[in-house]
């Protein structure tokens, strides 16, 4: 079965950096666009970043542009989210997603907490 396993979350001070990883299995990774979403307490899940199958197209939420970078390694079936200049408002559970046509798979999430 398809599994997406996020890692790399944790507690960091404002201005710091974290790199999230999402390891995929059970699917043809290179056939899926990959994305990151986040959900803060009491809020709806929101889009953070997306990356095309080959890595040539990216898009970011305005709130993270210039601070976050999404990348992928198709040889390792892994997508990354490099997060720099973190702010307290970036605190959330971060989820990776794999998209192909109308099908989407989700990971279980990893907590990111940014202290002020």
C-alpha atoms as a PDB file:
ATOM      1  CA  UNK A   1       0.000   0.000   0.000  1.00  0.00           C
ATOM      2  CA  UNK A   2       1.008   3.626  -0.417  1.00  0.00           C
ATOM      3  CA  UNK A   3       2.886   5.147   2.497  1.00  0.00           C
ATOM      4  CA  UNK A   4       4.148   8.686   2.937  1.00  0.00           C
ATOM      5  CA  UNK A   5       6.259   9.152   6.052  1.00  0.00           C
ATOM      6  CA  UNK A   6       7.244  12.654   7.123  1.00  0.00           C
ATOM      7  CA  UNK A   7      10.183  13.427   9.394  1.00  0.00           C
ATOM      8  CA  UNK A   8      12.316  16.350  10.461  1.00  0.00           C
ATOM      9  CA  UNK A   9       9.818  18.343  12.489  1.00  0.00           C
ATOM     10  CA  UNK A  10      10.592  19.733  15.901  1.00  0.00           C
ATOM     11  CA  UNK A  11      10.941  22.816  18.048  1.00  0.00           C
ATOM     12  CA  UNK A  12      12.959  25.745  16.712  1.00  0.00           C
ATOM     13  CA  UNK A  13      13.367  29.394  17.637  1.00  0.00           C
ATOM     14  CA  UNK A  14      12.081  32.134  15.388  1.00  0.00           C
ATOM     15  CA  UNK A  15      14.573  32.838  12.624  1.00  0.00           C
ATOM     16  CA  UNK A  16      15.813  29.270  12.613  1.00  0.00           C
ATOM     17  CA  UNK A  17      15.614  26.556   9.986  1.00  0.00           C
ATOM     18  CA  UNK A  18      14.286  23.042   9.607  1.00  0.00           C
ATOM     19  CA  UNK A  19      14.273  20.561   6.756  1.00  0.00           C
ATOM     20  CA  UNK A  20      11.321  18.226   6.457  1.00  0.00           C
ATOM     21  CA  UNK A  21      11.528  14.962   4.545  1.00  0.00           C
ATOM     22  CA  UNK A  22       8.788  12.759   3.185  1.00  0.00           C
ATOM     23  CA  UNK A  23       9.706   9.225   2.144  1.00  0.00           C
ATOM     24  CA  UNK A  24       7.264   7.549  -0.224  1.00  0.00           C
ATOM     25  CA  UNK A  25       6.694   3.864  -0.871  1.00  0.00           C
ATOM     26  CA  UNK A  26       4.130   1.738  -2.651  1.00  0.00           C
ATOM     27  CA  UNK A  27       3.829   4.058  -5.627  1.00  0.00           C
ATOM     28  CA  UNK A  28       5.750   5.091  -8.723  1.00  0.00           C
ATOM     29  CA  UNK A  29       7.151   8.208  -7.110  1.00  0.00           C
ATOM     30  CA  UNK A  30       8.291   9.907 -10.305  1.00  0.00           C
ATOM     31  CA  UNK A  31       4.712   9.764 -11.642  1.00  0.00           C
ATOM     32  CA  UNK A  32       3.340  11.928  -8.833  1.00  0.00           C
ATOM     33  CA  UNK A  33       3.428  15.622  -8.215  1.00  0.00           C
ATOM     34  CA  UNK A  34       4.346  16.200  -4.583  1.00  0.00           C
ATOM     35  CA  UNK A  35       3.218  18.853  -2.174  1.00  0.00           C
ATOM     36  CA  UNK A  36       3.369  20.089   1.386  1.00  0.00           C
ATOM     37  CA  UNK A  37       0.407  21.335   3.389  1.00  0.00           C
ATOM     38  CA  UNK A  38       0.063  22.450   6.984  1.00  0.00           C
ATOM     39  CA  UNK A  39      -2.613  22.699   9.625  1.00  0.00           C
ATOM     40  CA  UNK A  40      -2.394  24.949  12.633  1.00  0.00           C
ATOM     41  CA  UNK A  41      -4.531  24.361  15.744  1.00  0.00           C
ATOM     42  CA  UNK A  42      -8.106  25.429  15.104  1.00  0.00           C
ATOM     43  CA  UNK A  43      -7.420  26.152  11.452  1.00  0.00           C
ATOM     44  CA  UNK A  44      -8.062  24.351   8.200  1.00  0.00           C
ATOM     45  CA  UNK A  45      -5.334  22.555   6.331  1.00  0.00           C
ATOM     46  CA  UNK A  46      -3.639  24.927   3.899  1.00  0.00           C
ATOM     47  CA  UNK A  47      -1.391  24.662   0.900  1.00  0.00           C
ATOM     48  CA  UNK A  48       2.314  25.374   1.406  1.00  0.00           C
ATOM     49  CA  UNK A  49       4.207  24.232  -1.696  1.00  0.00           C
ATOM     50  CA  UNK A  50       4.012  21.940  -4.687  1.00  0.00           C
ATOM     51  CA  UNK A  51       6.523  20.407  -7.079  1.00  0.00           C
ATOM     52  CA  UNK A  52       5.931  18.758 -10.440  1.00  0.00           C
ATOM     53  CA  UNK A  53       6.876  15.180 -11.236  1.00  0.00           C
ATOM     54  CA  UNK A  54      10.176  16.103 -12.822  1.00  0.00           C
ATOM     55  CA  UNK A  55      10.889  18.971 -10.476  1.00  0.00           C
ATOM     56  CA  UNK A  56      10.729  21.666 -13.138  1.00  0.00           C
ATOM     57  CA  UNK A  57       7.685  23.478 -11.753  1.00  0.00           C
ATOM     58  CA  UNK A  58       7.157  24.759  -8.238  1.00  0.00           C
ATOM     59  CA  UNK A  59       4.564  26.915  -6.559  1.00  0.00           C
ATOM     60  CA  UNK A  60       4.380  28.333  -3.058  1.00  0.00           C
ATOM     61  CA  UNK A  61       1.883  29.971  -0.790  1.00  0.00           C
ATOM     62  CA  UNK A  62       2.512  33.690  -0.538  1.00  0.00           C
ATOM     63  CA  UNK A  63       3.150  33.329   3.184  1.00  0.00           C
ATOM     64  CA  UNK A  64       6.231  31.148   2.611  1.00  0.00           C
ATOM     65  CA  UNK A  65       7.640  32.465  -0.682  1.00  0.00           C
ATOM     66  CA  UNK A  66      11.302  33.322  -0.391  1.00  0.00           C
ATOM     67  CA  UNK A  67      11.670  31.354   2.874  1.00  0.00           C
ATOM     68  CA  UNK A  68      10.702  27.765   1.989  1.00  0.00           C
ATOM     69  CA  UNK A  69      12.053  25.574  -0.803  1.00  0.00           C
ATOM     70  CA  UNK A  70      10.531  22.318  -2.009  1.00  0.00           C
ATOM     71  CA  UNK A  71      12.690  19.730  -3.761  1.00  0.00           C
ATOM     72  CA  UNK A  72      12.634  16.062  -4.596  1.00  0.00           C
ATOM     73  CA  UNK A  73      14.998  13.179  -5.157  1.00  0.00           C
ATOM     74  CA  UNK A  74      13.270  10.671  -7.404  1.00  0.00           C
ATOM     75  CA  UNK A  75      16.077   8.147  -6.885  1.00  0.00           C
ATOM     76  CA  UNK A  76      15.299   8.168  -3.148  1.00  0.00           C
ATOM     77  CA  UNK A  77      11.515   8.510  -3.459  1.00  0.00           C
ATOM     78  CA  UNK A  78      11.741  11.507  -1.165  1.00  0.00           C
ATOM     79  CA  UNK A  79      10.453  15.067  -1.184  1.00  0.00           C
ATOM     80  CA  UNK A  80      11.917  17.780   1.031  1.00  0.00           C
ATOM     81  CA  UNK A  81      10.824  21.107   2.415  1.00  0.00           C
ATOM     82  CA  UNK A  82      13.642  23.419   3.461  1.00  0.00           C
ATOM     83  CA  UNK A  83      12.229  26.027   5.810  1.00  0.00           C
ATOM     84  CA  UNK A  84      14.313  29.094   6.629  1.00  0.00           C
ATOM     85  CA  UNK A  85      13.594  32.265   8.597  1.00  0.00           C
ATOM     86  CA  UNK A  86      10.871  30.471  10.494  1.00  0.00           C
ATOM     87  CA  UNK A  87       8.195  32.504  12.233  1.00  0.00           C
ATOM     88  CA  UNK A  88       5.858  31.593  15.113  1.00  0.00           C
ATOM     89  CA  UNK A  89       2.977  31.637  12.631  1.00  0.00           C
ATOM     90  CA  UNK A  90       4.626  28.733  10.792  1.00  0.00           C
ATOM     91  CA  UNK A  91       3.751  26.521  13.760  1.00  0.00           C
ATOM     92  CA  UNK A  92       1.591  23.660  12.475  1.00  0.00           C
ATOM     93  CA  UNK A  93       1.456  20.003  11.616  1.00  0.00           C
ATOM     94  CA  UNK A  94       3.040  19.630   8.195  1.00  0.00           C
ATOM     95  CA  UNK A  95       1.751  17.000   5.789  1.00  0.00           C
ATOM     96  CA  UNK A  96       3.134  15.795   2.511  1.00  0.00           C
ATOM     97  CA  UNK A  97       0.853  14.749  -0.309  1.00  0.00           C
ATOM     98  CA  UNK A  98       1.285  12.795  -3.524  1.00  0.00           C
ATOM     99  CA  UNK A  99      -0.954  13.775  -6.434  1.00  0.00           C
ATOM    100  CA  UNK A 100      -1.721  12.008  -9.680  1.00  0.00           C
ATOM    101  CA  UNK A 101      -4.746  13.043 -11.715  1.00  0.00           C
ATOM    102  CA  UNK A 102      -7.564  13.239  -9.157  1.00  0.00           C
ATOM    103  CA  UNK A 103      -5.905  10.881  -6.672  1.00  0.00           C
ATOM    104  CA  UNK A 104      -4.158  12.229  -3.572  1.00  0.00           C
ATOM    105  CA  UNK A 105      -2.345  10.368  -0.834  1.00  0.00           C
ATOM    106  CA  UNK A 106      -1.470  11.923   2.527  1.00  0.00           C
ATOM    107  CA  UNK A 107       1.212  11.331   5.094  1.00  0.00           C
ATOM    108  CA  UNK A 108       0.539  11.288   8.820  1.00  0.00           C
ATOM    109  CA  UNK A 109       2.141  14.657   9.480  1.00  0.00           C
ATOM    110  CA  UNK A 110       5.051  16.030  11.471  1.00  0.00           C
ATOM    111  CA  UNK A 111       4.813  18.782  14.081  1.00  0.00           C
ATOM    112  CA  UNK A 112       6.734  22.007  13.615  1.00  0.00           C
ATOM    113  CA  UNK A 113       6.753  24.449  16.516  1.00  0.00           C
ATOM    114  CA  UNK A 114       8.425  27.849  16.239  1.00  0.00           C
ATOM    115  CA  UNK A 115       8.979  29.711  19.474  1.00  0.00           C
ATOM    116  CA  UNK A 116       9.219  33.482  19.656  1.00  0.00           C
END
